[in-house]
């Protein structure tokens, strides 16, 4: 679990407590701050989820590329050569 997910969950929970305390005491400003903290906590949690998903995806891609290069080195070299050739052609005027 990502650190932002943990902190976001904690901030969301503390915002919920702050909102409930504000509601119990009749303090509208504390309620609004609690709701704002809940929203910020939810956003931080989602940010943590997305960074974790990206990290997992890149590690899977990295493993796949390493496997292909080790098992099929000539094919990998040909693909890299083709990509380099295409990128070089893109920069040349016609």
PDB file of N, CA and C in Angstrom:
ATOM      1  N   UNK A   1       0.849  -1.170   0.000  1.00  0.00           N
ATOM      2  CA  UNK A   1       0.000   0.000   0.000  1.00  0.00           C
ATOM      3  C   UNK A   1       0.897   1.237   0.000  1.00  0.00           C
ATOM      4  N   UNK A   2       0.521   2.212  -0.786  1.00  0.00           N
ATOM      5  CA  UNK A   2       1.285   3.433  -0.935  1.00  0.00           C
ATOM      6  C   UNK A   2       1.106   4.330   0.297  1.00  0.00           C
ATOM      7  N   UNK A   3       2.127   5.123   0.601  1.00  0.00           N
ATOM      8  CA  UNK A   3       2.083   6.028   1.751  1.00  0.00           C
ATOM      9  C   UNK A   3       0.948   7.046   1.609  1.00  0.00           C
ATOM     10  N   UNK A   4       0.696   7.508   0.401  1.00  0.00           N
ATOM     11  CA  UNK A   4      -0.385   8.470   0.183  1.00  0.00           C
ATOM     12  C   UNK A   4      -1.756   7.853   0.448  1.00  0.00           C
ATOM     13  N   UNK A   5      -1.894   6.567   0.199  1.00  0.00           N
ATOM     14  CA  UNK A   5      -3.158   5.900   0.499  1.00  0.00           C
ATOM     15  C   UNK A   5      -3.412   5.892   2.004  1.00  0.00           C
ATOM     16  N   UNK A   6      -2.378   5.603   2.775  1.00  0.00           N
ATOM     17  CA  UNK A   6      -2.514   5.562   4.231  1.00  0.00           C
ATOM     18  C   UNK A   6      -2.817   6.951   4.774  1.00  0.00           C
ATOM     19  N   UNK A   7      -2.052   7.937   4.330  1.00  0.00           N
ATOM     20  CA  UNK A   7      -2.274   9.311   4.807  1.00  0.00           C
ATOM     21  C   UNK A   7      -3.626   9.848   4.360  1.00  0.00           C
ATOM     22  N   UNK A   8      -4.035   9.517   3.154  1.00  0.00           N
ATOM     23  CA  UNK A   8      -5.338   9.963   2.667  1.00  0.00           C
ATOM     24  C   UNK A   8      -6.477   9.362   3.462  1.00  0.00           C
ATOM     25  N   UNK A   9      -6.361   8.089   3.797  1.00  0.00           N
ATOM     26  CA  UNK A   9      -7.386   7.439   4.607  1.00  0.00           C
ATOM     27  C   UNK A   9      -7.452   8.073   5.993  1.00  0.00           C
ATOM     28  N   UNK A  10      -6.273   8.339   6.581  1.00  0.00           N
ATOM     29  CA  UNK A  10      -6.240   8.960   7.904  1.00  0.00           C
ATOM     30  C   UNK A  10      -6.832  10.364   7.870  1.00  0.00           C
ATOM     31  N   UNK A  11      -6.525  11.119   6.830  1.00  0.00           N
ATOM     32  CA  UNK A  11      -7.062  12.486   6.724  1.00  0.00           C
ATOM     33  C   UNK A  11      -8.568  12.457   6.495  1.00  0.00           C
ATOM     34  N   UNK A  12      -9.027  11.512   5.696  1.00  0.00           N
ATOM     35  CA  UNK A  12     -10.467  11.377   5.467  1.00  0.00           C
ATOM     36  C   UNK A  12     -11.183  11.034   6.778  1.00  0.00           C
ATOM     37  N   UNK A  13     -10.615  10.119   7.549  1.00  0.00           N
ATOM     38  CA  UNK A  13     -11.211   9.713   8.820  1.00  0.00           C
ATOM     39  C   UNK A  13     -11.217  10.867   9.821  1.00  0.00           C
ATOM     40  N   UNK A  14     -10.108  11.602   9.907  1.00  0.00           N
ATOM     41  CA  UNK A  14     -10.056  12.737  10.836  1.00  0.00           C
ATOM     42  C   UNK A  14     -11.015  13.838  10.401  1.00  0.00           C
ATOM     43  N   UNK A  15     -11.191  14.013   9.103  1.00  0.00           N
ATOM     44  CA  UNK A  15     -12.168  14.981   8.613  1.00  0.00           C
ATOM     45  C   UNK A  15     -13.582  14.579   8.984  1.00  0.00           C
ATOM     46  N   UNK A  16     -13.851  13.282   8.934  1.00  0.00           N
ATOM     47  CA  UNK A  16     -15.175  12.776   9.329  1.00  0.00           C
ATOM     48  C   UNK A  16     -15.420  13.054  10.809  1.00  0.00           C
ATOM     49  N   UNK A  17     -14.398  12.793  11.639  1.00  0.00           N
ATOM     50  CA  UNK A  17     -14.525  13.087  13.065  1.00  0.00           C
ATOM     51  C   UNK A  17     -14.718  14.576  13.312  1.00  0.00           C
ATOM     52  N   UNK A  18     -13.987  15.401  12.588  1.00  0.00           N
ATOM     53  CA  UNK A  18     -14.095  16.851  12.726  1.00  0.00           C
ATOM     54  C   UNK A  18     -15.486  17.324  12.315  1.00  0.00           C
ATOM     55  N   UNK A  19     -16.009  16.756  11.244  1.00  0.00           N
ATOM     56  CA  UNK A  19     -17.353  17.120  10.801  1.00  0.00           C
ATOM     57  C   UNK A  19     -18.396  16.734  11.854  1.00  0.00           C
ATOM     58  N   UNK A  20     -18.280  15.530  12.382  1.00  0.00           N
ATOM     59  CA  UNK A  20     -19.236  15.063  13.399  1.00  0.00           C
ATOM     60  C   UNK A  20     -19.146  15.906  14.671  1.00  0.00           C
ATOM     61  N   UNK A  21     -17.922  16.271  15.083  1.00  0.00           N
ATOM     62  CA  UNK A  21     -17.764  17.114  16.272  1.00  0.00           C
ATOM     63  C   UNK A  21     -18.361  18.492  16.029  1.00  0.00           C
ATOM     64  N   UNK A  22     -18.155  19.026  14.842  1.00  0.00           N
ATOM     65  CA  UNK A  22     -18.742  20.323  14.506  1.00  0.00           C
ATOM     66  C   UNK A  22     -20.254  20.266  14.478  1.00  0.00           C
ATOM     67  N   UNK A  23     -20.799  19.172  13.993  1.00  0.00           N
ATOM     68  CA  UNK A  23     -22.249  18.993  13.947  1.00  0.00           C
ATOM     69  C   UNK A  23     -22.825  18.876  15.360  1.00  0.00           C
ATOM     70  N   UNK A  24     -22.110  18.144  16.222  1.00  0.00           N
ATOM     71  CA  UNK A  24     -22.576  17.944  17.599  1.00  0.00           C
ATOM     72  C   UNK A  24     -22.550  19.247  18.402  1.00  0.00           C
ATOM     73  N   UNK A  25     -21.550  20.083  18.149  1.00  0.00           N
ATOM     74  CA  UNK A  25     -21.436  21.341  18.889  1.00  0.00           C
ATOM     75  C   UNK A  25     -22.132  22.500  18.194  1.00  0.00           C
ATOM     76  N   UNK A  26     -22.603  22.294  16.979  1.00  0.00           N
ATOM     77  CA  UNK A  26     -23.270  23.357  16.232  1.00  0.00           C
ATOM     78  C   UNK A  26     -22.305  24.314  15.563  1.00  0.00           C
ATOM     79  N   UNK A  27     -21.068  23.938  15.417  1.00  0.00           N
ATOM     80  CA  UNK A  27     -20.032  24.771  14.796  1.00  0.00           C
ATOM     81  C   UNK A  27     -19.992  24.478  13.295  1.00  0.00           C
ATOM     82  N   UNK A  28     -20.587  25.358  12.518  1.00  0.00           N
ATOM     83  CA  UNK A  28     -20.685  25.168  11.071  1.00  0.00           C
ATOM     84  C   UNK A  28     -19.314  25.226  10.416  1.00  0.00           C
ATOM     85  N   UNK A  29     -18.442  26.093  10.914  1.00  0.00           N
ATOM     86  CA  UNK A  29     -17.106  26.220  10.334  1.00  0.00           C
ATOM     87  C   UNK A  29     -16.312  24.924  10.513  1.00  0.00           C
ATOM     88  N   UNK A  30     -16.423  24.286  11.659  1.00  0.00           N
ATOM     89  CA  UNK A  30     -15.728  23.024  11.894  1.00  0.00           C
ATOM     90  C   UNK A  30     -16.287  21.933  10.987  1.00  0.00           C
ATOM     91  N   UNK A  31     -17.594  21.948  10.748  1.00  0.00           N
ATOM     92  CA  UNK A  31     -18.196  20.975   9.827  1.00  0.00           C
ATOM     93  C   UNK A  31     -17.633  21.134   8.426  1.00  0.00           C
ATOM     94  N   UNK A  32     -17.556  22.398   7.980  1.00  0.00           N
ATOM     95  CA  UNK A  32     -17.036  22.650   6.633  1.00  0.00           C
ATOM     96  C   UNK A  32     -15.565  22.262   6.518  1.00  0.00           C
ATOM     97  N   UNK A  33     -14.782  22.536   7.554  1.00  0.00           N
ATOM     98  CA  UNK A  33     -13.373  22.130   7.533  1.00  0.00           C
ATOM     99  C   UNK A  33     -13.263  20.606   7.503  1.00  0.00           C
ATOM    100  N   UNK A  34     -14.145  19.934   8.229  1.00  0.00           N
ATOM    101  CA  UNK A  34     -14.147  18.475   8.225  1.00  0.00           C
ATOM    102  C   UNK A  34     -14.469  17.914   6.848  1.00  0.00           C
ATOM    103  N   UNK A  35     -15.449  18.522   6.187  1.00  0.00           N
ATOM    104  CA  UNK A  35     -15.790  18.070   4.836  1.00  0.00           C
ATOM    105  C   UNK A  35     -14.642  18.331   3.864  1.00  0.00           C
ATOM    106  N   UNK A  36     -13.971  19.468   4.034  1.00  0.00           N
ATOM    107  CA  UNK A  36     -12.828  19.778   3.167  1.00  0.00           C
ATOM    108  C   UNK A  36     -11.696  18.773   3.401  1.00  0.00           C
ATOM    109  N   UNK A  37     -11.462  18.418   4.667  1.00  0.00           N
ATOM    110  CA  UNK A  37     -10.430  17.422   4.967  1.00  0.00           C
ATOM    111  C   UNK A  37     -10.804  16.056   4.408  1.00  0.00           C
ATOM    112  N   UNK A  38     -12.077  15.729   4.422  1.00  0.00           N
ATOM    113  CA  UNK A  38     -12.516  14.458   3.835  1.00  0.00           C
ATOM    114  C   UNK A  38     -12.233  14.434   2.343  1.00  0.00           C
ATOM    115  N   UNK A  39     -12.557  15.532   1.673  1.00  0.00           N
ATOM    116  CA  UNK A  39     -12.319  15.602   0.224  1.00  0.00           C
ATOM    117  C   UNK A  39     -10.824  15.536  -0.083  1.00  0.00           C
ATOM    118  N   UNK A  40     -10.024  16.252   0.706  1.00  0.00           N
ATOM    119  CA  UNK A  40      -8.569  16.220   0.488  1.00  0.00           C
ATOM    120  C   UNK A  40      -8.017  14.828   0.761  1.00  0.00           C
ATOM    121  N   UNK A  41      -8.529  14.175   1.772  1.00  0.00           N
ATOM    122  CA  UNK A  41      -8.087  12.814   2.075  1.00  0.00           C
ATOM    123  C   UNK A  41      -8.449  11.842   0.973  1.00  0.00           C
ATOM    124  N   UNK A  42      -9.655  11.993   0.429  1.00  0.00           N
ATOM    125  CA  UNK A  42     -10.071  11.119  -0.674  1.00  0.00           C
ATOM    126  C   UNK A  42      -9.193  11.348  -1.905  1.00  0.00           C
ATOM    127  N   UNK A  43      -8.873  12.610  -2.182  1.00  0.00           N
ATOM    128  CA  UNK A  43      -8.011  12.911  -3.325  1.00  0.00           C
ATOM    129  C   UNK A  43      -6.611  12.336  -3.123  1.00  0.00           C
ATOM    130  N   UNK A  44      -6.085  12.451  -1.907  1.00  0.00           N
ATOM    131  CA  UNK A  44      -4.754  11.907  -1.629  1.00  0.00           C
ATOM    132  C   UNK A  44      -4.763  10.385  -1.731  1.00  0.00           C
ATOM    133  N   UNK A  45      -5.835   9.758  -1.292  1.00  0.00           N
ATOM    134  CA  UNK A  45      -5.953   8.309  -1.395  1.00  0.00           C
ATOM    135  C   UNK A  45      -5.964   7.873  -2.864  1.00  0.00           C
ATOM    136  N   UNK A  46      -6.739   8.579  -3.695  1.00  0.00           N
ATOM    137  CA  UNK A  46      -6.791   8.256  -5.125  1.00  0.00           C
ATOM    138  C   UNK A  46      -5.441   8.479  -5.800  1.00  0.00           C
ATOM    139  N   UNK A  47      -4.743   9.524  -5.376  1.00  0.00           N
ATOM    140  CA  UNK A  47      -3.402   9.770  -5.910  1.00  0.00           C
ATOM    141  C   UNK A  47      -2.479   8.602  -5.567  1.00  0.00           C
ATOM    142  N   UNK A  48      -2.553   8.132  -4.349  1.00  0.00           N
ATOM    143  CA  UNK A  48      -1.752   6.980  -3.937  1.00  0.00           C
ATOM    144  C   UNK A  48      -2.090   5.734  -4.725  1.00  0.00           C
ATOM    145  N   UNK A  49      -3.380   5.534  -4.982  1.00  0.00           N
ATOM    146  CA  UNK A  49      -3.794   4.376  -5.786  1.00  0.00           C
ATOM    147  C   UNK A  49      -3.226   4.462  -7.189  1.00  0.00           C
ATOM    148  N   UNK A  50      -3.305   5.648  -7.792  1.00  0.00           N
ATOM    149  CA  UNK A  50      -2.830   5.786  -9.169  1.00  0.00           C
ATOM    150  C   UNK A  50      -1.314   5.622  -9.254  1.00  0.00           C
ATOM    151  N   UNK A  51      -0.569   6.158  -8.291  1.00  0.00           N
ATOM    152  CA  UNK A  51       0.877   5.982  -8.342  1.00  0.00           C
ATOM    153  C   UNK A  51       1.255   4.522  -8.140  1.00  0.00           C
ATOM    154  N   UNK A  52       0.525   3.823  -7.289  1.00  0.00           N
ATOM    155  CA  UNK A  52       0.797   2.404  -7.091  1.00  0.00           C
ATOM    156  C   UNK A  52       0.490   1.604  -8.361  1.00  0.00           C
ATOM    157  N   UNK A  53      -0.610   1.948  -9.033  1.00  0.00           N
ATOM    158  CA  UNK A  53      -0.966   1.257 -10.271  1.00  0.00           C
ATOM    159  C   UNK A  53       0.075   1.511 -11.364  1.00  0.00           C
ATOM    160  N   UNK A  54       0.543   2.740 -11.446  1.00  0.00           N
ATOM    161  CA  UNK A  54       1.566   3.075 -12.446  1.00  0.00           C
ATOM    162  C   UNK A  54       2.862   2.329 -12.139  1.00  0.00           C
ATOM    163  N   UNK A  55       3.233   2.287 -10.870  1.00  0.00           N
ATOM    164  CA  UNK A  55       4.451   1.586 -10.473  1.00  0.00           C
ATOM    165  C   UNK A  55       4.356   0.101 -10.820  1.00  0.00           C
ATOM    166  N   UNK A  56       3.194  -0.492 -10.562  1.00  0.00           N
ATOM    167  CA  UNK A  56       3.004  -1.905 -10.889  1.00  0.00           C
ATOM    168  C   UNK A  56       3.055  -2.139 -12.398  1.00  0.00           C
ATOM    169  N   UNK A  57       2.425  -1.245 -13.164  1.00  0.00           N
ATOM    170  CA  UNK A  57       2.402  -1.391 -14.617  1.00  0.00           C
ATOM    171  C   UNK A  57       3.793  -1.276 -15.217  1.00  0.00           C
ATOM    172  N   UNK A  58       4.560  -0.311 -14.731  1.00  0.00           N
ATOM    173  CA  UNK A  58       5.902  -0.139 -15.287  1.00  0.00           C
ATOM    174  C   UNK A  58       6.805  -1.302 -14.914  1.00  0.00           C
ATOM    175  N   UNK A  59       6.613  -1.854 -13.723  1.00  0.00           N
ATOM    176  CA  UNK A  59       7.453  -2.997 -13.371  1.00  0.00           C
ATOM    177  C   UNK A  59       7.078  -4.217 -14.214  1.00  0.00           C
ATOM    178  N   UNK A  60       5.782  -4.384 -14.511  1.00  0.00           N
ATOM    179  CA  UNK A  60       5.361  -5.476 -15.394  1.00  0.00           C
ATOM    180  C   UNK A  60       5.932  -5.295 -16.795  1.00  0.00           C
ATOM    181  N   UNK A  61       5.883  -4.071 -17.313  1.00  0.00           N
ATOM    182  CA  UNK A  61       6.436  -3.787 -18.632  1.00  0.00           C
ATOM    183  C   UNK A  61       7.942  -4.015 -18.638  1.00  0.00           C
ATOM    184  N   UNK A  62       8.604  -3.593 -17.578  1.00  0.00           N
ATOM    185  CA  UNK A  62      10.052  -3.782 -17.472  1.00  0.00           C
ATOM    186  C   UNK A  62      10.409  -5.270 -17.494  1.00  0.00           C
ATOM    187  N   UNK A  63       9.655  -6.068 -16.746  1.00  0.00           N
ATOM    188  CA  UNK A  63       9.901  -7.514 -16.725  1.00  0.00           C
ATOM    189  C   UNK A  63       9.642  -8.128 -18.104  1.00  0.00           C
ATOM    190  N   UNK A  64       8.607  -7.684 -18.788  1.00  0.00           N
ATOM    191  CA  UNK A  64       8.279  -8.225 -20.102  1.00  0.00           C
ATOM    192  C   UNK A  64       9.403  -7.910 -21.091  1.00  0.00           C
ATOM    193  N   UNK A  65       9.879  -6.659 -21.071  1.00  0.00           N
ATOM    194  CA  UNK A  65      10.954  -6.268 -21.988  1.00  0.00           C
ATOM    195  C   UNK A  65      12.225  -7.056 -21.685  1.00  0.00           C
ATOM    196  N   UNK A  66      12.571  -7.179 -20.410  1.00  0.00           N
ATOM    197  CA  UNK A  66      13.765  -7.945 -20.045  1.00  0.00           C
ATOM    198  C   UNK A  66      13.651  -9.393 -20.527  1.00  0.00           C
ATOM    199  N   UNK A  67      12.482  -9.977 -20.358  1.00  0.00           N
ATOM    200  CA  UNK A  67      12.272 -11.361 -20.781  1.00  0.00           C
ATOM    201  C   UNK A  67      12.430 -11.492 -22.293  1.00  0.00           C
ATOM    202  N   UNK A  68      11.841 -10.559 -23.052  1.00  0.00           N
ATOM    203  CA  UNK A  68      11.937 -10.626 -24.517  1.00  0.00           C
ATOM    204  C   UNK A  68      13.371 -10.429 -24.991  1.00  0.00           C
ATOM    205  N   UNK A  69      14.093  -9.514 -24.359  1.00  0.00           N
ATOM    206  CA  UNK A  69      15.477  -9.271 -24.765  1.00  0.00           C
ATOM    207  C   UNK A  69      16.340 -10.495 -24.466  1.00  0.00           C
ATOM    208  N   UNK A  70      16.095 -11.147 -23.330  1.00  0.00           N
ATOM    209  CA  UNK A  70      16.897 -12.317 -22.970  1.00  0.00           C
ATOM    210  C   UNK A  70      16.560 -13.533 -23.819  1.00  0.00           C
ATOM    211  N   UNK A  71      15.275 -13.716 -24.141  1.00  0.00           N
ATOM    212  CA  UNK A  71      14.883 -14.921 -24.883  1.00  0.00           C
ATOM    213  C   UNK A  71      14.973 -14.738 -26.393  1.00  0.00           C
ATOM    214  N   UNK A  72      14.806 -13.496 -26.869  1.00  0.00           N
ATOM    215  CA  UNK A  72      14.839 -13.235 -28.312  1.00  0.00           C
ATOM    216  C   UNK A  72      15.694 -11.990 -28.594  1.00  0.00           C
ATOM    217  N   UNK A  73      17.002 -12.103 -28.425  1.00  0.00           N
ATOM    218  CA  UNK A  73      17.838 -10.902 -28.553  1.00  0.00           C
ATOM    219  C   UNK A  73      17.873 -10.323 -29.969  1.00  0.00           C
ATOM    220  N   UNK A  74      17.842 -11.173 -30.986  1.00  0.00           N
ATOM    221  CA  UNK A  74      17.895 -10.659 -32.359  1.00  0.00           C
ATOM    222  C   UNK A  74      16.606  -9.942 -32.735  1.00  0.00           C
ATOM    223  N   UNK A  75      15.493 -10.482 -32.309  1.00  0.00           N
ATOM    224  CA  UNK A  75      14.212  -9.828 -32.577  1.00  0.00           C
ATOM    225  C   UNK A  75      14.154  -8.486 -31.858  1.00  0.00           C
ATOM    226  N   UNK A  76      14.624  -8.446 -30.612  1.00  0.00           N
ATOM    227  CA  UNK A  76      14.620  -7.199 -29.848  1.00  0.00           C
ATOM    228  C   UNK A  76      15.517  -6.157 -30.520  1.00  0.00           C
ATOM    229  N   UNK A  77      16.681  -6.579 -30.987  1.00  0.00           N
ATOM    230  CA  UNK A  77      17.596  -5.653 -31.666  1.00  0.00           C
ATOM    231  C   UNK A  77      16.977  -5.129 -32.952  1.00  0.00           C
ATOM    232  N   UNK A  78      16.277  -5.995 -33.687  1.00  0.00           N
ATOM    233  CA  UNK A  78      15.621  -5.579 -34.921  1.00  0.00           C
ATOM    234  C   UNK A  78      14.510  -4.562 -34.635  1.00  0.00           C
ATOM    235  N   UNK A  79      13.762  -4.778 -33.582  1.00  0.00           N
ATOM    236  CA  UNK A  79      12.693  -3.843 -33.213  1.00  0.00           C
ATOM    237  C   UNK A  79      13.282  -2.491 -32.831  1.00  0.00           C
ATOM    238  N   UNK A  80      14.350  -2.507 -32.027  1.00  0.00           N
ATOM    239  CA  UNK A  80      14.989  -1.252 -31.627  1.00  0.00           C
ATOM    240  C   UNK A  80      15.548  -0.527 -32.849  1.00  0.00           C
ATOM    241  N   UNK A  81      16.150  -1.263 -33.759  1.00  0.00           N
ATOM    242  CA  UNK A  81      16.655  -0.659 -34.987  1.00  0.00           C
ATOM    243  C   UNK A  81      15.516  -0.028 -35.787  1.00  0.00           C
ATOM    244  N   UNK A  82      14.393  -0.736 -35.902  1.00  0.00           N
ATOM    245  CA  UNK A  82      13.243  -0.210 -36.641  1.00  0.00           C
ATOM    246  C   UNK A  82      12.674   1.044 -36.013  1.00  0.00           C
ATOM    247  N   UNK A  83      12.580   1.066 -34.702  1.00  0.00           N
ATOM    248  CA  UNK A  83      12.082   2.265 -34.016  1.00  0.00           C
ATOM    249  C   UNK A  83      13.039   3.429 -34.229  1.00  0.00           C
ATOM    250  N   UNK A  84      14.333   3.173 -34.118  1.00  0.00           N
ATOM    251  CA  UNK A  84      15.317   4.228 -34.361  1.00  0.00           C
ATOM    252  C   UNK A  84      15.257   4.753 -35.780  1.00  0.00           C
ATOM    253  N   UNK A  85      15.083   3.864 -36.739  1.00  0.00           N
ATOM    254  CA  UNK A  85      14.983   4.276 -38.135  1.00  0.00           C
ATOM    255  C   UNK A  85      13.744   5.147 -38.350  1.00  0.00           C
ATOM    256  N   UNK A  86      12.601   4.727 -37.773  1.00  0.00           N
ATOM    257  CA  UNK A  86      11.380   5.518 -37.912  1.00  0.00           C
ATOM    258  C   UNK A  86      11.511   6.891 -37.267  1.00  0.00           C
ATOM    259  N   UNK A  87      12.108   6.950 -36.099  1.00  0.00           N
ATOM    260  CA  UNK A  87      12.306   8.244 -35.444  1.00  0.00           C
ATOM    261  C   UNK A  87      13.240   9.133 -36.265  1.00  0.00           C
ATOM    262  N   UNK A  88      14.261   8.542 -36.862  1.00  0.00           N
ATOM    263  CA  UNK A  88      15.155   9.308 -37.720  1.00  0.00           C
ATOM    264  C   UNK A  88      14.455   9.832 -38.959  1.00  0.00           C
ATOM    265  N   UNK A  89      13.558   9.042 -39.527  1.00  0.00           N
ATOM    266  CA  UNK A  89      12.794   9.476 -40.714  1.00  0.00           C
ATOM    267  C   UNK A  89      11.823  10.584 -40.397  1.00  0.00           C
ATOM    268  N   UNK A  90      11.321  10.615 -39.188  1.00  0.00           N
ATOM    269  CA  UNK A  90      10.361  11.651 -38.798  1.00  0.00           C
ATOM    270  C   UNK A  90      11.004  13.016 -38.759  1.00  0.00           C
ATOM    271  N   UNK A  91      12.282  13.090 -38.485  1.00  0.00           N
ATOM    272  CA  UNK A  91      12.972  14.356 -38.348  1.00  0.00           C
ATOM    273  C   UNK A  91      13.509  14.884 -39.687  1.00  0.00           C
ATOM    274  N   UNK A  92      13.534  14.049 -40.702  1.00  0.00           N
ATOM    275  CA  UNK A  92      14.052  14.464 -42.001  1.00  0.00           C
ATOM    276  C   UNK A  92      12.959  15.110 -42.842  1.00  0.00           C
ATOM    277  N   UNK A  93      13.266  16.242 -43.493  1.00  0.00           N
ATOM    278  CA  UNK A  93      12.267  16.821 -44.397  1.00  0.00           C
ATOM    279  C   UNK A  93      12.167  15.990 -45.677  1.00  0.00           C
ATOM    280  N   UNK A  94      11.035  16.014 -46.291  1.00  0.00           N
ATOM    281  CA  UNK A  94      10.805  15.224 -47.504  1.00  0.00           C
ATOM    282  C   UNK A  94      11.371  15.878 -48.703  1.00  0.00           C
TER     283      UNK A  94
END
